Amino acid sequence: MGQFSWIYSDTNKQLLDNVYAETYLLVPKPFQEKYGKAIYESCYDGYGDFGEYDVYNLIPEWNKEIIPEIINKIKEGKWKCNTCEKDIENLQAYYEGKEIDCELRYLGIIMACYDEDNTTLKYPIKITTKKMEYKDVSPSLSDPYQGWSNDEYDDEYWDEDEW
């Protein structure tokens, strides 16, 4: 999959990879006792890690109750992420509290990798530049530049010898 990133919900600017910036993964209210109001990250690595958590490991937990709806949408061809029967079996097993034979992160990717899927979740990914109320911002959209500066010829970032 490579590196990936999002657009901040509060500023509509890119969350850049490997750049020090105040970044918060907002936590839905029902999970704030466990994770706090937001998970702080000072320098996003480009792989979904915020603080000590991988966002794609959190998404299945946060959206467990709607997994049957997701499975139905997958079966009806109304889910953007391509899946196979084994993916559906793993989603169902996770929902039922049974053992899955894939990384939990993989289920999170199935659930939230595409904007079309993430935005339909009960608790989508929301990333901001400051602590905010989860309910007050829209879901974060994928960054089409995958966390790399969208200034194609940014002289401060690139050294001509590196090209």
N, C-alpha and C. Protein backbone atom coordinates (compact mmCIF):
# COMPACT_ATOMS: atom_id res chain seq x y z
N MET A 1 0.82 -1.19 0.00
CA MET A 1 0.00 0.00 0.00
C MET A 1 0.86 1.25 0.00
N GLY A 2 2.06 1.22 0.58
CA GLY A 2 2.92 2.38 0.62
C GLY A 2 2.46 3.40 1.64
N GLN A 3 2.99 4.59 1.54
CA GLN A 3 2.61 5.65 2.47
C GLN A 3 1.27 6.25 2.07
N PHE A 4 0.58 6.80 3.06
CA PHE A 4 -0.71 7.42 2.81
C PHE A 4 -0.95 8.47 3.88
N SER A 5 -1.89 9.33 3.62
CA SER A 5 -2.18 10.39 4.56
C SER A 5 -3.60 10.91 4.34
N TRP A 6 -3.95 11.96 5.09
CA TRP A 6 -5.28 12.54 5.04
C TRP A 6 -5.19 14.06 4.95
N ILE A 7 -6.36 14.64 4.78
CA ILE A 7 -6.52 16.08 4.83
C ILE A 7 -7.09 16.40 6.22
N TYR A 8 -6.50 17.37 6.91
CA TYR A 8 -7.02 17.76 8.22
C TYR A 8 -8.47 18.20 8.09
N SER A 9 -9.31 17.74 9.01
CA SER A 9 -10.73 18.08 9.00
C SER A 9 -10.98 19.56 9.30
N ASP A 10 -10.12 20.17 10.10
CA ASP A 10 -10.37 21.54 10.53
C ASP A 10 -9.74 22.61 9.64
N THR A 11 -8.76 22.25 8.82
CA THR A 11 -8.07 23.26 8.00
C THR A 11 -8.10 22.97 6.50
N ASN A 12 -8.49 21.76 6.12
CA ASN A 12 -8.44 21.30 4.72
C ASN A 12 -7.03 21.33 4.13
N LYS A 13 -6.02 21.23 4.97
CA LYS A 13 -4.63 21.16 4.52
C LYS A 13 -4.13 19.73 4.69
N GLN A 14 -3.05 19.43 4.00
CA GLN A 14 -2.46 18.09 4.05
C GLN A 14 -1.83 17.78 5.40
N LEU A 15 -1.96 16.55 5.84
CA LEU A 15 -1.16 16.02 6.92
C LEU A 15 0.08 15.47 6.25
N LEU A 16 1.21 16.18 6.38
CA LEU A 16 2.43 15.79 5.69
C LEU A 16 3.18 14.71 6.45
N ASP A 17 3.82 13.83 5.71
CA ASP A 17 4.62 12.76 6.29
C ASP A 17 5.96 13.31 6.76
N ASN A 18 6.38 12.83 7.93
CA ASN A 18 7.69 13.14 8.49
C ASN A 18 7.97 14.63 8.64
N VAL A 19 6.93 15.38 9.02
CA VAL A 19 7.04 16.80 9.29
C VAL A 19 6.44 17.04 10.67
N TYR A 20 7.18 17.73 11.54
CA TYR A 20 6.66 18.02 12.87
C TYR A 20 5.47 18.96 12.77
N ALA A 21 4.33 18.51 13.31
CA ALA A 21 3.11 19.30 13.27
C ALA A 21 2.16 18.79 14.35
N GLU A 22 1.47 19.69 15.01
CA GLU A 22 0.47 19.32 15.99
C GLU A 22 -0.64 18.57 15.26
N THR A 23 -0.83 17.31 15.58
CA THR A 23 -1.81 16.48 14.90
C THR A 23 -2.58 15.66 15.93
N TYR A 24 -3.89 15.61 15.75
CA TYR A 24 -4.76 14.89 16.68
C TYR A 24 -5.71 13.97 15.92
N LEU A 25 -5.69 12.71 16.26
CA LEU A 25 -6.70 11.76 15.81
C LEU A 25 -7.81 11.84 16.84
N LEU A 26 -8.96 12.36 16.43
CA LEU A 26 -10.06 12.53 17.37
C LEU A 26 -10.70 11.18 17.68
N VAL A 27 -11.12 11.02 18.91
CA VAL A 27 -11.69 9.77 19.39
C VAL A 27 -13.20 9.96 19.62
N PRO A 28 -14.01 9.07 19.09
CA PRO A 28 -15.46 9.16 19.33
C PRO A 28 -15.78 9.07 20.83
N LYS A 29 -16.81 9.76 21.23
CA LYS A 29 -17.21 9.85 22.64
C LYS A 29 -17.26 8.50 23.36
N PRO A 30 -17.87 7.45 22.77
CA PRO A 30 -17.95 6.17 23.51
C PRO A 30 -16.59 5.53 23.82
N PHE A 31 -15.53 5.99 23.18
CA PHE A 31 -14.21 5.38 23.36
C PHE A 31 -13.22 6.31 24.06
N GLN A 32 -13.68 7.46 24.50
CA GLN A 32 -12.79 8.45 25.11
C GLN A 32 -12.29 8.02 26.48
N GLU A 33 -13.07 7.24 27.21
CA GLU A 33 -12.58 6.77 28.51
C GLU A 33 -11.33 5.90 28.32
N LYS A 34 -11.31 5.12 27.26
CA LYS A 34 -10.19 4.22 26.99
C LYS A 34 -9.00 4.93 26.34
N TYR A 35 -9.27 5.85 25.38
CA TYR A 35 -8.20 6.45 24.58
C TYR A 35 -7.99 7.95 24.81
N GLY A 36 -8.89 8.58 25.54
CA GLY A 36 -8.82 10.03 25.70
C GLY A 36 -9.61 10.70 24.60
N LYS A 37 -9.71 12.01 24.67
CA LYS A 37 -10.49 12.78 23.70
C LYS A 37 -9.84 12.77 22.31
N ALA A 38 -8.51 12.72 22.30
CA ALA A 38 -7.77 12.71 21.04
C ALA A 38 -6.43 12.00 21.28
N ILE A 39 -5.90 11.44 20.22
CA ILE A 39 -4.59 10.80 20.28
C ILE A 39 -3.61 11.71 19.56
N TYR A 40 -2.62 12.17 20.28
CA TYR A 40 -1.67 13.16 19.78
C TYR A 40 -0.54 12.52 18.98
N GLU A 41 -0.17 13.17 17.90
CA GLU A 41 0.98 12.76 17.10
C GLU A 41 1.75 14.02 16.72
N SER A 42 3.05 14.03 16.99
CA SER A 42 3.85 15.22 16.69
C SER A 42 4.53 15.17 15.32
N CYS A 43 4.72 13.95 14.80
CA CYS A 43 5.39 13.82 13.50
C CYS A 43 4.85 12.55 12.81
N TYR A 44 3.85 12.72 11.98
CA TYR A 44 3.19 11.60 11.32
C TYR A 44 4.16 10.85 10.42
N ASP A 45 4.19 9.52 10.54
CA ASP A 45 5.16 8.71 9.80
C ASP A 45 4.71 8.26 8.41
N GLY A 46 3.45 8.51 8.06
CA GLY A 46 2.96 8.11 6.74
C GLY A 46 2.35 6.73 6.68
N TYR A 47 2.24 6.05 7.83
CA TYR A 47 1.75 4.67 7.82
C TYR A 47 0.53 4.44 8.71
N GLY A 48 -0.12 5.51 9.15
CA GLY A 48 -1.34 5.36 9.93
C GLY A 48 -1.14 5.36 11.44
N ASP A 49 0.08 5.62 11.90
CA ASP A 49 0.36 5.60 13.33
C ASP A 49 0.12 6.96 13.97
N PHE A 50 -0.66 6.95 15.06
CA PHE A 50 -0.92 8.15 15.84
C PHE A 50 -0.65 7.78 17.29
N GLY A 51 0.30 8.48 17.91
CA GLY A 51 0.70 8.07 19.25
C GLY A 51 1.13 6.62 19.20
N GLU A 52 0.60 5.82 20.09
CA GLU A 52 0.97 4.39 20.11
C GLU A 52 -0.03 3.52 19.36
N TYR A 53 -0.92 4.14 18.58
CA TYR A 53 -1.98 3.40 17.90
C TYR A 53 -1.91 3.50 16.39
N ASP A 54 -2.33 2.44 15.75
CA ASP A 54 -2.51 2.41 14.30
C ASP A 54 -3.99 2.69 14.07
N VAL A 55 -4.31 3.73 13.34
CA VAL A 55 -5.71 4.12 13.13
C VAL A 55 -6.53 2.96 12.57
N TYR A 56 -5.92 2.14 11.72
CA TYR A 56 -6.67 1.04 11.12
C TYR A 56 -6.91 -0.11 12.09
N ASN A 57 -6.22 -0.14 13.22
CA ASN A 57 -6.55 -1.10 14.28
C ASN A 57 -7.72 -0.59 15.12
N LEU A 58 -7.92 0.71 15.16
CA LEU A 58 -9.00 1.30 15.95
C LEU A 58 -10.34 1.27 15.22
N ILE A 59 -10.32 1.42 13.92
CA ILE A 59 -11.56 1.52 13.13
C ILE A 59 -12.50 0.31 13.34
N PRO A 60 -12.02 -0.93 13.32
CA PRO A 60 -12.95 -2.05 13.57
C PRO A 60 -13.58 -2.00 14.96
N GLU A 61 -12.80 -1.63 15.97
CA GLU A 61 -13.35 -1.53 17.32
C GLU A 61 -14.42 -0.43 17.37
N TRP A 62 -14.10 0.73 16.83
CA TRP A 62 -15.03 1.86 16.89
C TRP A 62 -16.32 1.62 16.10
N ASN A 63 -16.24 0.79 15.07
CA ASN A 63 -17.39 0.58 14.17
C ASN A 63 -17.91 -0.85 14.18
N LYS A 64 -17.59 -1.59 15.22
CA LYS A 64 -17.97 -3.00 15.29
C LYS A 64 -19.47 -3.20 15.11
N GLU A 65 -20.27 -2.35 15.72
CA GLU A 65 -21.73 -2.55 15.69
C GLU A 65 -22.33 -2.42 14.29
N ILE A 66 -21.63 -1.78 13.36
CA ILE A 66 -22.18 -1.65 12.00
C ILE A 66 -21.57 -2.62 11.00
N ILE A 67 -20.75 -3.55 11.48
CA ILE A 67 -20.14 -4.52 10.57
C ILE A 67 -21.18 -5.30 9.75
N PRO A 68 -22.32 -5.72 10.32
CA PRO A 68 -23.31 -6.41 9.48
C PRO A 68 -23.78 -5.52 8.30
N GLU A 69 -23.94 -4.23 8.53
CA GLU A 69 -24.33 -3.31 7.45
C GLU A 69 -23.23 -3.23 6.38
N ILE A 70 -21.99 -3.21 6.83
CA ILE A 70 -20.86 -3.16 5.88
C ILE A 70 -20.83 -4.44 5.05
N ILE A 71 -21.02 -5.57 5.70
CA ILE A 71 -21.04 -6.85 4.98
C ILE A 71 -22.15 -6.84 3.93
N ASN A 72 -23.32 -6.36 4.29
CA ASN A 72 -24.42 -6.27 3.32
C ASN A 72 -24.05 -5.38 2.14
N LYS A 73 -23.44 -4.25 2.42
CA LYS A 73 -23.04 -3.33 1.34
C LYS A 73 -21.99 -3.99 0.44
N ILE A 74 -21.07 -4.74 1.04
CA ILE A 74 -20.06 -5.46 0.24
C ILE A 74 -20.75 -6.44 -0.69
N LYS A 75 -21.68 -7.23 -0.14
CA LYS A 75 -22.39 -8.24 -0.94
C LYS A 75 -23.25 -7.61 -2.04
N GLU A 76 -23.74 -6.40 -1.80
CA GLU A 76 -24.56 -5.69 -2.79
C GLU A 76 -23.72 -4.90 -3.79
N GLY A 77 -22.39 -4.94 -3.64
CA GLY A 77 -21.51 -4.19 -4.52
C GLY A 77 -21.53 -2.70 -4.25
N LYS A 78 -21.89 -2.30 -3.04
CA LYS A 78 -21.99 -0.89 -2.68
C LYS A 78 -20.87 -0.45 -1.74
N TRP A 79 -19.77 -1.18 -1.76
CA TRP A 79 -18.60 -0.84 -0.93
C TRP A 79 -17.42 -0.65 -1.87
N LYS A 80 -16.71 0.44 -1.74
CA LYS A 80 -15.62 0.80 -2.67
C LYS A 80 -14.45 -0.19 -2.59
N CYS A 81 -14.06 -0.56 -1.36
CA CYS A 81 -12.90 -1.44 -1.20
C CYS A 81 -13.22 -2.82 -1.76
N ASN A 82 -12.33 -3.30 -2.62
CA ASN A 82 -12.50 -4.65 -3.17
C ASN A 82 -12.23 -5.68 -2.09
N THR A 83 -13.10 -6.65 -1.99
CA THR A 83 -12.96 -7.68 -0.98
C THR A 83 -13.21 -9.05 -1.60
N CYS A 84 -12.90 -10.07 -0.81
CA CYS A 84 -13.20 -11.44 -1.23
C CYS A 84 -14.03 -12.10 -0.13
N GLU A 85 -14.44 -13.32 -0.35
CA GLU A 85 -15.27 -14.04 0.62
C GLU A 85 -14.55 -14.18 1.96
N LYS A 86 -13.24 -14.39 1.93
CA LYS A 86 -12.46 -14.54 3.17
C LYS A 86 -12.52 -13.26 3.99
N ASP A 87 -12.53 -12.09 3.33
CA ASP A 87 -12.62 -10.81 4.03
C ASP A 87 -13.96 -10.71 4.76
N ILE A 88 -15.01 -11.13 4.09
CA ILE A 88 -16.35 -11.10 4.69
C ILE A 88 -16.38 -12.04 5.90
N GLU A 89 -15.78 -13.21 5.77
CA GLU A 89 -15.73 -14.17 6.87
C GLU A 89 -14.99 -13.58 8.07
N ASN A 90 -13.89 -12.89 7.80
CA ASN A 90 -13.12 -12.27 8.89
C ASN A 90 -13.88 -11.12 9.54
N LEU A 91 -14.57 -10.32 8.74
CA LEU A 91 -15.39 -9.25 9.31
C LEU A 91 -16.48 -9.85 10.21
N GLN A 92 -17.13 -10.89 9.74
CA GLN A 92 -18.18 -11.54 10.52
C GLN A 92 -17.61 -12.14 11.80
N ALA A 93 -16.47 -12.80 11.70
CA ALA A 93 -15.84 -13.40 12.87
C ALA A 93 -15.48 -12.32 13.90
N TYR A 94 -14.93 -11.21 13.45
CA TYR A 94 -14.58 -10.13 14.37
C TYR A 94 -15.84 -9.60 15.06
N TYR A 95 -16.89 -9.41 14.28
CA TYR A 95 -18.16 -8.93 14.82
C TYR A 95 -18.70 -9.87 15.91
N GLU A 96 -18.53 -11.17 15.70
CA GLU A 96 -19.02 -12.17 16.64
C GLU A 96 -18.05 -12.44 17.79
N GLY A 97 -16.91 -11.75 17.78
CA GLY A 97 -15.93 -11.95 18.85
C GLY A 97 -15.10 -13.20 18.69
N LYS A 98 -15.07 -13.74 17.49
CA LYS A 98 -14.30 -14.94 17.22
C LYS A 98 -12.92 -14.56 16.68
N GLU A 99 -12.05 -15.55 16.60
CA GLU A 99 -10.70 -15.34 16.10
C GLU A 99 -10.73 -15.03 14.60
N ILE A 100 -9.90 -14.09 14.18
CA ILE A 100 -9.76 -13.77 12.76
C ILE A 100 -8.41 -14.28 12.28
N ASP A 101 -8.29 -14.57 11.00
CA ASP A 101 -7.01 -15.06 10.49
C ASP A 101 -6.33 -14.04 9.59
N CYS A 102 -6.43 -12.79 10.01
CA CYS A 102 -5.72 -11.70 9.35
C CYS A 102 -5.39 -10.68 10.43
N GLU A 103 -4.57 -9.70 10.10
CA GLU A 103 -4.30 -8.63 11.05
C GLU A 103 -5.55 -7.77 11.20
N LEU A 104 -5.82 -7.30 12.39
CA LEU A 104 -6.96 -6.42 12.63
C LEU A 104 -6.87 -5.19 11.73
N ARG A 105 -5.67 -4.72 11.53
CA ARG A 105 -5.42 -3.56 10.66
C ARG A 105 -6.03 -3.76 9.28
N TYR A 106 -5.94 -4.98 8.77
CA TYR A 106 -6.49 -5.28 7.45
C TYR A 106 -7.99 -5.04 7.41
N LEU A 107 -8.70 -5.42 8.48
CA LEU A 107 -10.14 -5.16 8.53
C LEU A 107 -10.42 -3.66 8.56
N GLY A 108 -9.58 -2.92 9.29
CA GLY A 108 -9.73 -1.47 9.31
C GLY A 108 -9.53 -0.84 7.95
N ILE A 109 -8.60 -1.37 7.19
CA ILE A 109 -8.36 -0.88 5.83
C ILE A 109 -9.58 -1.17 4.96
N ILE A 110 -10.13 -2.36 5.06
CA ILE A 110 -11.34 -2.69 4.30
C ILE A 110 -12.46 -1.70 4.64
N MET A 111 -12.54 -1.33 5.91
CA MET A 111 -13.64 -0.49 6.37
C MET A 111 -13.45 0.99 6.05
N ALA A 112 -12.21 1.48 6.00
CA ALA A 112 -12.02 2.93 5.95
C ALA A 112 -10.98 3.43 4.95
N CYS A 113 -10.46 2.57 4.10
CA CYS A 113 -9.40 2.99 3.18
C CYS A 113 -9.86 4.04 2.17
N TYR A 114 -11.05 3.89 1.66
CA TYR A 114 -11.57 4.83 0.65
C TYR A 114 -12.50 5.84 1.29
N ASP A 115 -12.44 7.07 0.82
CA ASP A 115 -13.30 8.14 1.34
C ASP A 115 -14.76 7.72 1.33
N GLU A 116 -15.19 7.08 0.25
CA GLU A 116 -16.58 6.68 0.12
C GLU A 116 -17.01 5.73 1.23
N ASP A 117 -16.10 4.91 1.69
CA ASP A 117 -16.38 3.96 2.77
C ASP A 117 -16.22 4.65 4.13
N ASN A 118 -15.11 5.32 4.33
CA ASN A 118 -14.82 5.99 5.61
C ASN A 118 -15.93 6.95 6.00
N THR A 119 -16.42 7.73 5.06
CA THR A 119 -17.42 8.75 5.40
C THR A 119 -18.78 8.14 5.76
N THR A 120 -19.02 6.87 5.41
CA THR A 120 -20.29 6.24 5.77
C THR A 120 -20.25 5.52 7.12
N LEU A 121 -19.05 5.42 7.70
CA LEU A 121 -18.93 4.74 8.99
C LEU A 121 -19.60 5.55 10.09
N LYS A 122 -20.03 4.87 11.13
CA LYS A 122 -20.59 5.57 12.29
C LYS A 122 -19.52 6.46 12.92
N TYR A 123 -18.29 5.92 13.00
CA TYR A 123 -17.16 6.67 13.56
C TYR A 123 -15.99 6.67 12.58
N PRO A 124 -16.02 7.56 11.61
CA PRO A 124 -14.95 7.64 10.63
C PRO A 124 -13.68 8.27 11.19
N ILE A 125 -12.62 8.21 10.42
CA ILE A 125 -11.35 8.83 10.78
C ILE A 125 -11.51 10.34 10.71
N LYS A 126 -11.11 11.01 11.80
CA LYS A 126 -11.15 12.47 11.86
C LYS A 126 -9.84 12.95 12.46
N ILE A 127 -9.09 13.72 11.68
CA ILE A 127 -7.77 14.19 12.09
C ILE A 127 -7.77 15.72 12.01
N THR A 128 -7.27 16.35 13.08
CA THR A 128 -7.29 17.81 13.17
C THR A 128 -5.93 18.35 13.65
N THR A 129 -5.80 19.67 13.61
CA THR A 129 -4.58 20.33 14.06
C THR A 129 -4.66 20.77 15.51
N LYS A 130 -5.81 20.54 16.15
CA LYS A 130 -5.99 20.88 17.56
C LYS A 130 -7.05 19.94 18.14
N LYS A 131 -7.06 19.85 19.47
CA LYS A 131 -8.09 19.03 20.12
C LYS A 131 -9.44 19.67 19.88
N MET A 132 -10.37 18.87 19.41
CA MET A 132 -11.72 19.35 19.13
C MET A 132 -12.71 18.27 19.54
N GLU A 133 -13.97 18.62 19.53
CA GLU A 133 -15.01 17.63 19.77
C GLU A 133 -15.16 16.78 18.51
N TYR A 134 -15.16 15.49 18.66
CA TYR A 134 -15.30 14.57 17.53
C TYR A 134 -16.51 14.92 16.67
N LYS A 135 -17.62 15.21 17.31
CA LYS A 135 -18.88 15.46 16.59
C LYS A 135 -18.86 16.77 15.80
N ASP A 136 -17.91 17.66 16.07
CA ASP A 136 -17.91 18.99 15.45
C ASP A 136 -17.20 19.09 14.10
N VAL A 137 -16.56 18.02 13.66
CA VAL A 137 -15.84 18.08 12.38
C VAL A 137 -16.24 16.93 11.46
N SER A 138 -16.01 17.14 10.20
CA SER A 138 -16.30 16.13 9.18
C SER A 138 -15.19 15.09 9.14
N PRO A 139 -15.45 13.95 8.51
CA PRO A 139 -14.40 12.95 8.35
C PRO A 139 -13.23 13.51 7.53
N SER A 140 -12.05 13.05 7.85
CA SER A 140 -10.87 13.44 7.08
C SER A 140 -10.86 12.67 5.76
N LEU A 141 -10.58 13.37 4.69
CA LEU A 141 -10.50 12.74 3.37
C LEU A 141 -9.07 12.33 3.09
N SER A 142 -8.91 11.39 2.19
CA SER A 142 -7.58 10.94 1.80
C SER A 142 -6.82 12.06 1.10
N ASP A 143 -5.54 12.10 1.34
CA ASP A 143 -4.67 13.07 0.67
C ASP A 143 -4.24 12.48 -0.66
N PRO A 144 -4.59 13.12 -1.78
CA PRO A 144 -4.22 12.57 -3.08
C PRO A 144 -2.70 12.54 -3.30
N TYR A 145 -1.95 13.31 -2.50
CA TYR A 145 -0.49 13.32 -2.62
C TYR A 145 0.17 12.40 -1.60
N GLN A 146 -0.63 11.62 -0.87
CA GLN A 146 -0.17 10.61 0.08
C GLN A 146 0.80 11.14 1.13
N GLY A 147 0.58 12.37 1.56
CA GLY A 147 1.42 12.93 2.61
C GLY A 147 2.66 13.65 2.13
N TRP A 148 2.89 13.63 0.84
CA TRP A 148 4.03 14.36 0.27
C TRP A 148 3.56 15.74 -0.13
N SER A 149 4.44 16.70 -0.05
CA SER A 149 4.08 18.08 -0.39
C SER A 149 3.49 18.13 -1.79
N ASN A 150 2.43 18.91 -1.96
CA ASN A 150 1.83 19.03 -3.29
C ASN A 150 2.48 20.14 -4.11
N ASP A 151 3.53 20.76 -3.56
CA ASP A 151 4.31 21.73 -4.32
C ASP A 151 5.35 20.94 -5.13
N GLU A 152 5.06 20.73 -6.38
CA GLU A 152 5.86 19.82 -7.20
C GLU A 152 7.35 20.18 -7.21
N TYR A 153 7.67 21.44 -7.20
CA TYR A 153 9.07 21.86 -7.26
C TYR A 153 9.43 22.69 -6.04
N ASP A 154 9.16 22.17 -4.87
CA ASP A 154 9.42 22.86 -3.62
C ASP A 154 10.93 22.87 -3.36
N ASP A 155 11.60 23.99 -3.67
CA ASP A 155 13.05 24.08 -3.57
C ASP A 155 13.57 23.90 -2.15
N GLU A 156 12.77 24.27 -1.15
CA GLU A 156 13.21 24.12 0.23
C GLU A 156 13.24 22.65 0.64
N TYR A 157 12.41 21.84 0.03
CA TYR A 157 12.29 20.45 0.43
C TYR A 157 13.24 19.54 -0.36
N TRP A 158 13.35 19.78 -1.64
CA TRP A 158 14.15 18.91 -2.51
C TRP A 158 15.47 19.57 -2.87
N ASP A 159 16.49 18.81 -2.83
CA ASP A 159 17.80 19.23 -3.28
C ASP A 159 17.94 18.73 -4.72
N GLU A 160 18.36 19.59 -5.61
CA GLU A 160 18.47 19.22 -7.03
C GLU A 160 19.29 17.95 -7.24
N ASP A 161 20.32 17.74 -6.39
CA ASP A 161 21.17 16.55 -6.52
C ASP A 161 20.41 15.26 -6.18
N GLU A 162 19.31 15.38 -5.43
CA GLU A 162 18.54 14.20 -5.04
C GLU A 162 17.64 13.71 -6.16
N TRP A 163 17.38 14.53 -7.17
CA TRP A 163 16.51 14.12 -8.26
C TRP A 163 17.25 13.10 -9.05
